[in-house]
PDB file of N, CA and C in Angstrom:
ATOM      1  N   UNK A   1      89.106 119.099 193.247  1.00  0.00           N
ATOM      2  CA  UNK A   1      90.390 118.192 194.007  1.00  0.00           C
ATOM      3  C   UNK A   1      90.152 117.225 192.751  1.00  0.00           C
ATOM      4  N   UNK A   2      91.663 117.137 192.757  1.00  0.00           N
ATOM      5  CA  UNK A   2      92.016 115.748 192.020  1.00  0.00           C
ATOM      6  C   UNK A   2      91.572 114.481 192.236  1.00  0.00           C
ATOM      7  N   UNK A   3      91.782 113.524 191.018  1.00  0.00           N
ATOM      8  CA  UNK A   3      91.038 112.033 191.109  1.00  0.00           C
ATOM      9  C   UNK A   3      92.542 111.390 190.845  1.00  0.00           C
ATOM     10  N   UNK A   4      91.920 109.774 191.393  1.00  0.00           N
ATOM     11  CA  UNK A   4      92.919 108.985 191.199  1.00  0.00           C
ATOM     12  C   UNK A   4      93.975 108.211 189.878  1.00  0.00           C
ATOM     13  N   UNK A   5      92.844 109.396 188.610  1.00  0.00           N
ATOM     14  CA  UNK A   5      92.698 108.534 186.932  1.00  0.00           C
ATOM     15  C   UNK A   5      93.234 110.714 187.040  1.00  0.00           C
ATOM     16  N   UNK A   6      94.333 111.082 187.721  1.00  0.00           N
ATOM     17  CA  UNK A   6      94.956 112.283 187.177  1.00  0.00           C
ATOM     18  C   UNK A   6      93.687 113.486 186.915  1.00  0.00           C
ATOM     19  N   UNK A   7      92.477 113.357 186.291  1.00  0.00           N
ATOM     20  CA  UNK A   7      91.786 114.905 186.328  1.00  0.00           C
ATOM     21  C   UNK A   7      90.716 115.175 187.125  1.00  0.00           C
ATOM     22  N   UNK A   8      90.845 116.156 187.284  1.00  0.00           N
ATOM     23  CA  UNK A   8      90.240 117.628 188.463  1.00  0.00           C
ATOM     24  C   UNK A   8      88.555 117.236 188.399  1.00  0.00           C
ATOM     25  N   UNK A   9      87.621 116.871 189.840  1.00  0.00           N
ATOM     26  CA  UNK A   9      86.484 116.951 189.681  1.00  0.00           C
ATOM     27  C   UNK A   9      85.873 118.258 190.317  1.00  0.00           C
ATOM     28  N   UNK A  10      84.050 118.580 190.370  1.00  0.00           N
ATOM     29  CA  UNK A  10      84.382 119.643 190.955  1.00  0.00           C
ATOM     30  C   UNK A  10      83.316 119.324 192.127  1.00  0.00           C
ATOM     31  N   UNK A  11      83.080 119.259 194.077  1.00  0.00           N
ATOM     32  CA  UNK A  11      82.281 118.810 194.994  1.00  0.00           C
ATOM     33  C   UNK A  11      81.468 119.645 195.330  1.00  0.00           C
ATOM     34  N   UNK A  12      80.686 119.491 195.523  1.00  0.00           N
ATOM     35  CA  UNK A  12      79.888 120.193 196.832  1.00  0.00           C
ATOM     36  C   UNK A  12      79.230 119.700 198.067  1.00  0.00           C
ATOM     37  N   UNK A  13      79.924 120.190 199.210  1.00  0.00           N
ATOM     38  CA  UNK A  13      80.324 119.875 200.640  1.00  0.00           C
ATOM     39  C   UNK A  13      78.245 119.481 201.276  1.00  0.00           C
ATOM     40  N   UNK A  14      77.724 120.279 200.328  1.00  0.00           N
ATOM     41  CA  UNK A  14      76.312 120.465 201.054  1.00  0.00           C
ATOM     42  C   UNK A  14      75.223 119.665 200.255  1.00  0.00           C
ATOM     43  N   UNK A  15      75.616 118.632 198.930  1.00  0.00           N
ATOM     44  CA  UNK A  15      75.479 118.820 198.115  1.00  0.00           C
ATOM     45  C   UNK A  15      75.267 116.947 197.409  1.00  0.00           C
ATOM     46  N   UNK A  16      76.131 116.437 198.541  1.00  0.00           N
ATOM     47  CA  UNK A  16      77.202 115.168 198.344  1.00  0.00           C
ATOM     48  C   UNK A  16      76.303 113.855 197.649  1.00  0.00           C
ATOM     49  N   UNK A  17      76.411 113.503 196.490  1.00  0.00           N
ATOM     50  CA  UNK A  17      75.689 112.794 196.313  1.00  0.00           C
ATOM     51  C   UNK A  17      76.383 111.303 195.832  1.00  0.00           C
ATOM     52  N   UNK A  18      76.277 110.883 196.861  1.00  0.00           N
ATOM     53  CA  UNK A  18      77.448 109.774 197.045  1.00  0.00           C
ATOM     54  C   UNK A  18      78.882 109.575 196.548  1.00  0.00           C
ATOM     55  N   UNK A  19      79.368 110.909 196.448  1.00  0.00           N
ATOM     56  CA  UNK A  19      80.674 110.890 196.072  1.00  0.00           C
ATOM     57  C   UNK A  19      80.818 111.384 194.521  1.00  0.00           C
ATOM     58  N   UNK A  20      79.347 111.319 193.765  1.00  0.00           N
ATOM     59  CA  UNK A  20      79.310 111.807 191.962  1.00  0.00           C
ATOM     60  C   UNK A  20      79.808 113.344 192.155  1.00  0.00           C
ATOM     61  N   UNK A  21      80.335 113.243 191.441  1.00  0.00           N
ATOM     62  CA  UNK A  21      80.981 114.333 191.084  1.00  0.00           C
ATOM     63  C   UNK A  21      79.424 115.526 190.277  1.00  0.00           C
ATOM     64  N   UNK A  22      80.122 117.005 190.588  1.00  0.00           N
ATOM     65  CA  UNK A  22      79.593 117.392 189.989  1.00  0.00           C
ATOM     66  C   UNK A  22      79.100 117.778 188.332  1.00  0.00           C
ATOM     67  N   UNK A  23      80.924 118.451 188.193  1.00  0.00           N
ATOM     68  CA  UNK A  23      81.368 118.671 186.768  1.00  0.00           C
ATOM     69  C   UNK A  23      82.761 117.868 186.487  1.00  0.00           C
ATOM     70  N   UNK A  24      83.227 117.382 185.973  1.00  0.00           N
ATOM     71  CA  UNK A  24      84.728 116.357 185.765  1.00  0.00           C
ATOM     72  C   UNK A  24      85.798 117.740 184.694  1.00  0.00           C
ATOM     73  N   UNK A  25      87.051 117.833 184.856  1.00  0.00           N
ATOM     74  CA  UNK A  25      87.744 117.607 183.324  1.00  0.00           C
ATOM     75  C   UNK A  25      89.021 116.430 183.461  1.00  0.00           C
ATOM     76  N   UNK A  26      88.719 115.734 182.206  1.00  0.00           N
ATOM     77  CA  UNK A  26      90.231 114.792 181.784  1.00  0.00           C
ATOM     78  C   UNK A  26      89.365 113.458 182.835  1.00  0.00           C
ATOM     79  N   UNK A  27      88.611 113.084 183.294  1.00  0.00           N
ATOM     80  CA  UNK A  27      88.302 112.334 183.999  1.00  0.00           C
ATOM     81  C   UNK A  27      88.031 111.806 183.338  1.00  0.00           C
ATOM     82  N   UNK A  28      88.128 110.055 182.918  1.00  0.00           N
ATOM     83  CA  UNK A  28      88.301 108.883 182.287  1.00  0.00           C
ATOM     84  C   UNK A  28      86.801 107.719 182.627  1.00  0.00           C
ATOM     85  N   UNK A  29      86.594 107.158 182.303  1.00  0.00           N
ATOM     86  CA  UNK A  29      84.975 106.375 182.537  1.00  0.00           C
ATOM     87  C   UNK A  29      84.683 106.265 182.758  1.00  0.00           C
ATOM     88  N   UNK A  30      84.381 106.326 184.115  1.00  0.00           N
ATOM     89  CA  UNK A  30      82.645 106.247 184.827  1.00  0.00           C
ATOM     90  C   UNK A  30      81.861 107.709 184.588  1.00  0.00           C
ATOM     91  N   UNK A  31      82.879 108.316 185.276  1.00  0.00           N
ATOM     92  CA  UNK A  31      82.693 109.173 184.790  1.00  0.00           C
ATOM     93  C   UNK A  31      81.878 110.195 184.295  1.00  0.00           C
ATOM     94  N   UNK A  32      82.668 110.006 182.407  1.00  0.00           N
ATOM     95  CA  UNK A  32      82.564 110.036 181.496  1.00  0.00           C
ATOM     96  C   UNK A  32      80.606 110.002 180.863  1.00  0.00           C
ATOM     97  N   UNK A  33      80.866 108.656 181.129  1.00  0.00           N
ATOM     98  CA  UNK A  33      79.841 107.903 181.122  1.00  0.00           C
ATOM     99  C   UNK A  33      78.086 108.331 181.881  1.00  0.00           C
ATOM    100  N   UNK A  34      78.129 109.052 183.275  1.00  0.00           N
ATOM    101  CA  UNK A  34      76.855 109.678 183.727  1.00  0.00           C
ATOM    102  C   UNK A  34      76.395 110.857 183.115  1.00  0.00           C
ATOM    103  N   UNK A  35      75.364 110.901 182.917  1.00  0.00           N
ATOM    104  CA  UNK A  35      74.614 112.262 182.550  1.00  0.00           C
ATOM    105  C   UNK A  35      74.273 113.121 183.419  1.00  0.00           C
ATOM    106  N   UNK A  36      74.853 112.256 185.000  1.00  0.00           N
ATOM    107  CA  UNK A  36      74.018 113.966 185.888  1.00  0.00           C
ATOM    108  C   UNK A  36      75.845 115.006 186.121  1.00  0.00           C
ATOM    109  N   UNK A  37      76.826 113.770 185.452  1.00  0.00           N
ATOM    110  CA  UNK A  37      77.909 114.868 185.651  1.00  0.00           C
ATOM    111  C   UNK A  37      78.675 116.020 184.469  1.00  0.00           C
ATOM    112  N   UNK A  38      79.281 117.000 185.073  1.00  0.00           N
ATOM    113  CA  UNK A  38      78.993 117.515 183.333  1.00  0.00           C
ATOM    114  C   UNK A  38      80.157 117.535 183.403  1.00  0.00           C
ATOM    115  N   UNK A  39      80.750 117.262 181.957  1.00  0.00           N
ATOM    116  CA  UNK A  39      82.100 117.566 181.468  1.00  0.00           C
ATOM    117  C   UNK A  39      82.598 118.601 180.152  1.00  0.00           C
ATOM    118  N   UNK A  40      83.848 119.236 181.232  1.00  0.00           N
ATOM    119  CA  UNK A  40      84.039 119.795 180.634  1.00  0.00           C
ATOM    120  C   UNK A  40      85.710 120.472 179.845  1.00  0.00           C
ATOM    121  N   UNK A  41      86.364 120.782 179.516  1.00  0.00           N
ATOM    122  CA  UNK A  41      87.269 121.224 177.850  1.00  0.00           C
ATOM    123  C   UNK A  41      88.785 121.697 179.470  1.00  0.00           C
ATOM    124  N   UNK A  42      87.755 122.819 180.293  1.00  0.00           N
ATOM    125  CA  UNK A  42      89.032 123.770 180.641  1.00  0.00           C
ATOM    126  C   UNK A  42      88.503 123.639 182.382  1.00  0.00           C
ATOM    127  N   UNK A  43      90.047 124.193 182.790  1.00  0.00           N
ATOM    128  CA  UNK A  43      90.177 124.178 184.784  1.00  0.00           C
ATOM    129  C   UNK A  43      89.301 125.858 185.048  1.00  0.00           C
ATOM    130  N   UNK A  44      89.217 127.089 183.970  1.00  0.00           N
ATOM    131  CA  UNK A  44      87.858 127.456 183.633  1.00  0.00           C
ATOM    132  C   UNK A  44      86.251 127.107 183.476  1.00  0.00           C
ATOM    133  N   UNK A  45      86.911 126.049 183.167  1.00  0.00           N
ATOM    134  CA  UNK A  45      84.846 125.710 183.520  1.00  0.00           C
ATOM    135  C   UNK A  45      84.212 125.440 184.204  1.00  0.00           C
ATOM    136  N   UNK A  46      85.448 124.701 185.166  1.00  0.00           N
ATOM    137  CA  UNK A  46      85.200 123.622 186.520  1.00  0.00           C
ATOM    138  C   UNK A  46      84.589 124.726 187.055  1.00  0.00           C
ATOM    139  N   UNK A  47      85.431 126.741 186.918  1.00  0.00           N
ATOM    140  CA  UNK A  47      84.790 127.591 187.755  1.00  0.00           C
ATOM    141  C   UNK A  47      83.297 127.694 187.452  1.00  0.00           C
ATOM    142  N   UNK A  48      83.275 127.303 186.178  1.00  0.00           N
ATOM    143  CA  UNK A  48      82.013 128.619 185.755  1.00  0.00           C
ATOM    144  C   UNK A  48      80.518 127.360 186.242  1.00  0.00           C
ATOM    145  N   UNK A  49      80.970 126.356 185.971  1.00  0.00           N
ATOM    146  CA  UNK A  49      80.290 125.033 186.851  1.00  0.00           C
ATOM    147  C   UNK A  49      79.462 125.402 187.884  1.00  0.00           C
ATOM    148  N   UNK A  50      80.970 125.895 188.412  1.00  0.00           N
ATOM    149  CA  UNK A  50      80.707 125.550 190.121  1.00  0.00           C
ATOM    150  C   UNK A  50      79.815 127.570 190.504  1.00  0.00           C
ATOM    151  N   UNK A  51      79.967 128.652 189.541  1.00  0.00           N
ATOM    152  CA  UNK A  51      78.953 129.110 189.945  1.00  0.00           C
ATOM    153  C   UNK A  51      77.535 129.373 189.411  1.00  0.00           C
ATOM    154  N   UNK A  52      77.453 128.340 188.719  1.00  0.00           N
ATOM    155  CA  UNK A  52      76.101 127.923 188.103  1.00  0.00           C
ATOM    156  C   UNK A  52      75.569 127.226 189.220  1.00  0.00           C
ATOM    157  N   UNK A  53      76.166 126.400 189.916  1.00  0.00           N
ATOM    158  CA  UNK A  53      75.424 125.726 190.361  1.00  0.00           C
ATOM    159  C   UNK A  53      75.285 126.294 192.337  1.00  0.00           C
ATOM    160  N   UNK A  54      76.332 127.230 192.483  1.00  0.00           N
ATOM    161  CA  UNK A  54      75.975 128.263 193.702  1.00  0.00           C
ATOM    162  C   UNK A  54      75.003 128.923 193.238  1.00  0.00           C
ATOM    163  N   UNK A  55      74.483 129.673 192.321  1.00  0.00           N
ATOM    164  CA  UNK A  55      73.523 130.435 191.980  1.00  0.00           C
ATOM    165  C   UNK A  55      72.464 129.862 191.694  1.00  0.00           C
ATOM    166  N   UNK A  56      72.344 128.074 191.354  1.00  0.00           N
ATOM    167  CA  UNK A  56      71.070 127.556 191.427  1.00  0.00           C
ATOM    168  C   UNK A  56      70.928 126.882 193.034  1.00  0.00           C
ATOM    169  N   UNK A  57      71.786 125.930 193.277  1.00  0.00           N
ATOM    170  CA  UNK A  57      71.127 125.044 194.435  1.00  0.00           C
ATOM    171  C   UNK A  57      72.191 126.133 195.374  1.00  0.00           C
ATOM    172  N   UNK A  58      72.117 127.486 195.385  1.00  0.00           N
ATOM    173  CA  UNK A  58      73.066 127.558 196.473  1.00  0.00           C
ATOM    174  C   UNK A  58      72.052 129.339 197.077  1.00  0.00           C
ATOM    175  N   UNK A  59      71.282 129.601 196.192  1.00  0.00           N
ATOM    176  CA  UNK A  59      71.066 131.344 195.757  1.00  0.00           C
ATOM    177  C   UNK A  59      71.901 132.305 196.045  1.00  0.00           C
ATOM    178  N   UNK A  60      73.643 132.024 195.419  1.00  0.00           N
ATOM    179  CA  UNK A  60      74.827 132.900 195.671  1.00  0.00           C
ATOM    180  C   UNK A  60      74.465 133.153 194.408  1.00  0.00           C
ATOM    181  N   UNK A  61      74.749 134.756 194.839  1.00  0.00           N
ATOM    182  CA  UNK A  61      75.666 135.001 192.822  1.00  0.00           C
ATOM    183  C   UNK A  61      76.920 136.271 193.042  1.00  0.00           C
ATOM    184  N   UNK A  62      77.243 136.095 191.540  1.00  0.00           N
ATOM    185  CA  UNK A  62      78.277 137.401 192.051  1.00  0.00           C
ATOM    186  C   UNK A  62      77.886 139.111 192.248  1.00  0.00           C
ATOM    187  N   UNK A  63      76.962 139.095 191.675  1.00  0.00           N
ATOM    188  CA  UNK A  63      76.004 140.361 191.997  1.00  0.00           C
ATOM    189  C   UNK A  63      75.599 140.997 193.435  1.00  0.00           C
ATOM    190  N   UNK A  64      75.189 139.932 193.699  1.00  0.00           N
ATOM    191  CA  UNK A  64      75.771 140.015 195.690  1.00  0.00           C
ATOM    192  C   UNK A  64      76.286 140.322 196.356  1.00  0.00           C
ATOM    193  N   UNK A  65      77.733 139.577 195.758  1.00  0.00           N
ATOM    194  CA  UNK A  65      79.554 140.074 196.443  1.00  0.00           C
ATOM    195  C   UNK A  65      79.454 138.690 197.386  1.00  0.00           C
ATOM    196  N   UNK A  66      78.747 137.148 197.146  1.00  0.00           N
ATOM    197  CA  UNK A  66      78.068 136.417 197.853  1.00  0.00           C
ATOM    198  C   UNK A  66      79.800 134.858 197.174  1.00  0.00           C
ATOM    199  N   UNK A  67      79.916 134.961 195.434  1.00  0.00           N
ATOM    200  CA  UNK A  67      80.074 133.924 194.371  1.00  0.00           C
ATOM    201  C   UNK A  67      81.971 135.195 194.279  1.00  0.00           C
ATOM    202  N   UNK A  68      82.883 133.519 194.739  1.00  0.00           N
ATOM    203  CA  UNK A  68      83.918 134.023 193.777  1.00  0.00           C
ATOM    204  C   UNK A  68      84.182 135.087 192.600  1.00  0.00           C
TER     205      UNK A  68
END
């Protein structure tokens, strides 16, 4: 989802952490200082983090056909 500062954030509806995203692309300020938020350099980097989260947090893998 886009944020008000022009960045893009990856969130998980099932793992809502007070609004803290799992990963951010181009997000300024406090998101960069938060060690729990992965900073990525590209939009495809957000997809990579999404696949990692699906595998670790939801036991979903591309191999079993459940992930994009």
